[in-house]
Amino acid sequence: EPAITKRLRTILKKNKFDLVIVDLNAPFNESSKIIAAIKKIENGLPVALIAGDDKRRPLRALKKLGVDLIIGRPLEIDSTFNLISQTLSIRDSSE
């Protein structure tokens, strides 16, 4: 089992999360590995990806990573809050 998966498994067992937010452009961030590990450990946990103006990765490719929500940059607080609220309410209604 990869180290990132072990670490995430420990974190997810110790804490209750409603949503995980991953930043695609964070330095040293292995976002695709993090998303894959989260979905492997706890598939029902929504994952939001903050993505900038990265034209090299089309929207479809980002969705293939398994994210539930893609948030563009720059972050606009009101619209970001609304998107997250909608994602969480959809999750709650499906449980």
C-alpha atoms as a PDB file:
ATOM      1  CA  GLU A   1       0.000   0.000   0.000  1.00  0.00           C
ATOM      2  CA  PRO A   2       1.473   3.393  -0.970  1.00  0.00           C
ATOM      3  CA  ALA A   3       2.560   5.721   1.843  1.00  0.00           C
ATOM      4  CA  ILE A   4      -0.016   8.365   0.873  1.00  0.00           C
ATOM      5  CA  THR A   5      -2.825   5.815   1.196  1.00  0.00           C
ATOM      6  CA  LYS A   6      -1.598   4.690   4.630  1.00  0.00           C
ATOM      7  CA  ARG A   7      -1.378   8.269   5.821  1.00  0.00           C
ATOM      8  CA  LEU A   8      -4.843   9.170   4.503  1.00  0.00           C
ATOM      9  CA  ARG A   9      -6.341   6.004   5.988  1.00  0.00           C
ATOM     10  CA  THR A  10      -5.017   7.052   9.417  1.00  0.00           C
ATOM     11  CA  ILE A  11      -6.340  10.595   9.032  1.00  0.00           C
ATOM     12  CA  LEU A  12      -9.755   9.461   7.801  1.00  0.00           C
ATOM     13  CA  LYS A  13     -10.124   6.922  10.638  1.00  0.00           C
ATOM     14  CA  LYS A  14      -9.312   9.503  13.316  1.00  0.00           C
ATOM     15  CA  ASN A  15     -11.513  12.302  11.939  1.00  0.00           C
ATOM     16  CA  LYS A  16     -14.968  12.736  10.429  1.00  0.00           C
ATOM     17  CA  PHE A  17     -14.965  14.828   7.253  1.00  0.00           C
ATOM     18  CA  ASP A  18     -17.938  16.059   5.239  1.00  0.00           C
ATOM     19  CA  LEU A  19     -15.765  17.155   2.332  1.00  0.00           C
ATOM     20  CA  VAL A  20     -12.110  17.113   1.311  1.00  0.00           C
ATOM     21  CA  ILE A  21     -10.721  20.007  -0.724  1.00  0.00           C
ATOM     22  CA  VAL A  22      -7.630  19.322  -2.827  1.00  0.00           C
ATOM     23  CA  ASP A  23      -5.663  22.075  -4.556  1.00  0.00           C
ATOM     24  CA  LEU A  24      -4.440  20.999  -7.976  1.00  0.00           C
ATOM     25  CA  ASN A  25      -1.700  23.645  -8.040  1.00  0.00           C
ATOM     26  CA  ALA A  26      -0.240  23.284  -4.548  1.00  0.00           C
ATOM     27  CA  PRO A  27       3.538  22.739  -4.576  1.00  0.00           C
ATOM     28  CA  PHE A  28       4.568  19.070  -4.181  1.00  0.00           C
ATOM     29  CA  ASN A  29       0.900  18.150  -4.257  1.00  0.00           C
ATOM     30  CA  GLU A  30       0.187  14.795  -5.800  1.00  0.00           C
ATOM     31  CA  SER A  31      -3.483  15.612  -6.236  1.00  0.00           C
ATOM     32  CA  SER A  32      -4.393  12.666  -8.456  1.00  0.00           C
ATOM     33  CA  LYS A  33      -2.821  10.203  -5.987  1.00  0.00           C
ATOM     34  CA  ILE A  34      -4.551  11.905  -3.047  1.00  0.00           C
ATOM     35  CA  ILE A  35      -7.945  11.826  -4.765  1.00  0.00           C
ATOM     36  CA  ALA A  36      -7.536   8.184  -5.819  1.00  0.00           C
ATOM     37  CA  ALA A  37      -6.532   7.192  -2.277  1.00  0.00           C
ATOM     38  CA  ILE A  38      -9.476   9.013  -0.699  1.00  0.00           C
ATOM     39  CA  LYS A  39     -11.924   7.395  -3.118  1.00  0.00           C
ATOM     40  CA  LYS A  40     -10.362   3.973  -2.436  1.00  0.00           C
ATOM     41  CA  ILE A  41     -10.606   4.394   1.339  1.00  0.00           C
ATOM     42  CA  GLU A  42     -13.928   6.211   1.599  1.00  0.00           C
ATOM     43  CA  ASN A  43     -15.686   6.334  -1.754  1.00  0.00           C
ATOM     44  CA  GLY A  44     -18.724   8.257  -0.478  1.00  0.00           C
ATOM     45  CA  LEU A  45     -16.644  11.163   0.815  1.00  0.00           C
ATOM     46  CA  PRO A  46     -17.026  14.125  -1.571  1.00  0.00           C
ATOM     47  CA  VAL A  47     -13.820  15.585  -2.956  1.00  0.00           C
ATOM     48  CA  ALA A  48     -13.623  19.128  -4.324  1.00  0.00           C
ATOM     49  CA  LEU A  49     -10.720  20.110  -6.529  1.00  0.00           C
ATOM     50  CA  ILE A  50      -9.511  23.688  -6.751  1.00  0.00           C
ATOM     51  CA  ALA A  51      -8.160  24.124 -10.264  1.00  0.00           C
ATOM     52  CA  GLY A  52      -6.675  27.224 -11.808  1.00  0.00           C
ATOM     53  CA  ASP A  53      -6.523  28.197 -15.442  1.00  0.00           C
ATOM     54  CA  ASP A  54      -4.677  25.017 -16.329  1.00  0.00           C
ATOM     55  CA  LYS A  55      -5.457  24.661 -20.032  1.00  0.00           C
ATOM     56  CA  ARG A  56      -3.356  21.499 -20.212  1.00  0.00           C
ATOM     57  CA  ARG A  57      -5.955  19.566 -18.230  1.00  0.00           C
ATOM     58  CA  PRO A  58      -9.433  19.808 -19.702  1.00  0.00           C
ATOM     59  CA  LEU A  59     -12.469  19.562 -17.447  1.00  0.00           C
ATOM     60  CA  ARG A  60     -13.172  15.999 -18.548  1.00  0.00           C
ATOM     61  CA  ALA A  61      -9.683  14.872 -17.488  1.00  0.00           C
ATOM     62  CA  LEU A  62     -10.145  16.482 -14.083  1.00  0.00           C
ATOM     63  CA  LYS A  63     -13.509  14.748 -13.602  1.00  0.00           C
ATOM     64  CA  LYS A  64     -11.858  11.408 -14.415  1.00  0.00           C
ATOM     65  CA  LEU A  65      -9.782  11.855 -11.286  1.00  0.00           C
ATOM     66  CA  GLY A  66     -12.967  11.087  -9.351  1.00  0.00           C
ATOM     67  CA  VAL A  67     -13.705  14.535  -7.984  1.00  0.00           C
ATOM     68  CA  ASP A  68     -17.264  15.502  -7.149  1.00  0.00           C
ATOM     69  CA  LEU A  69     -16.798  19.226  -7.619  1.00  0.00           C
ATOM     70  CA  ILE A  70     -14.325  21.402  -9.511  1.00  0.00           C
ATOM     71  CA  ILE A  71     -13.860  24.942  -8.230  1.00  0.00           C
ATOM     72  CA  GLY A  72     -12.128  27.429 -10.506  1.00  0.00           C
ATOM     73  CA  ARG A  73      -9.830  30.279  -9.658  1.00  0.00           C
ATOM     74  CA  PRO A  74      -9.971  32.956  -8.561  1.00  0.00           C
ATOM     75  CA  LEU A  75     -12.117  31.752  -5.679  1.00  0.00           C
ATOM     76  CA  GLU A  76     -15.275  33.779  -5.256  1.00  0.00           C
ATOM     77  CA  ILE A  77     -16.474  33.133  -1.713  1.00  0.00           C
ATOM     78  CA  ASP A  78     -20.226  33.302  -2.374  1.00  0.00           C
ATOM     79  CA  SER A  79     -20.213  31.024  -5.409  1.00  0.00           C
ATOM     80  CA  THR A  80     -17.720  28.628  -3.787  1.00  0.00           C
ATOM     81  CA  PHE A  81     -19.902  28.403  -0.687  1.00  0.00           C
ATOM     82  CA  ASN A  82     -22.983  27.752  -2.852  1.00  0.00           C
ATOM     83  CA  LEU A  83     -21.241  25.004  -4.844  1.00  0.00           C
ATOM     84  CA  ILE A  84     -20.036  23.288  -1.675  1.00  0.00           C
ATOM     85  CA  SER A  85     -23.481  23.581  -0.068  1.00  0.00           C
ATOM     86  CA  GLN A  86     -25.111  22.012  -3.136  1.00  0.00           C
ATOM     87  CA  THR A  87     -22.584  19.178  -3.190  1.00  0.00           C
ATOM     88  CA  LEU A  88     -23.116  18.415   0.486  1.00  0.00           C
ATOM     89  CA  SER A  89     -26.922  18.567   0.203  1.00  0.00           C
ATOM     90  CA  ILE A  90     -26.842  16.116  -2.728  1.00  0.00           C
ATOM     91  CA  ARG A  91     -24.669  13.792  -0.624  1.00  0.00           C
ATOM     92  CA  ASP A  92     -27.015  14.087   2.362  1.00  0.00           C
ATOM     93  CA  SER A  93     -30.092  13.357   0.260  1.00  0.00           C
ATOM     94  CA  SER A  94     -28.515  10.222  -1.213  1.00  0.00           C
ATOM     95  CA  GLU A  95     -27.639   8.692   2.170  1.00  0.00           C
END
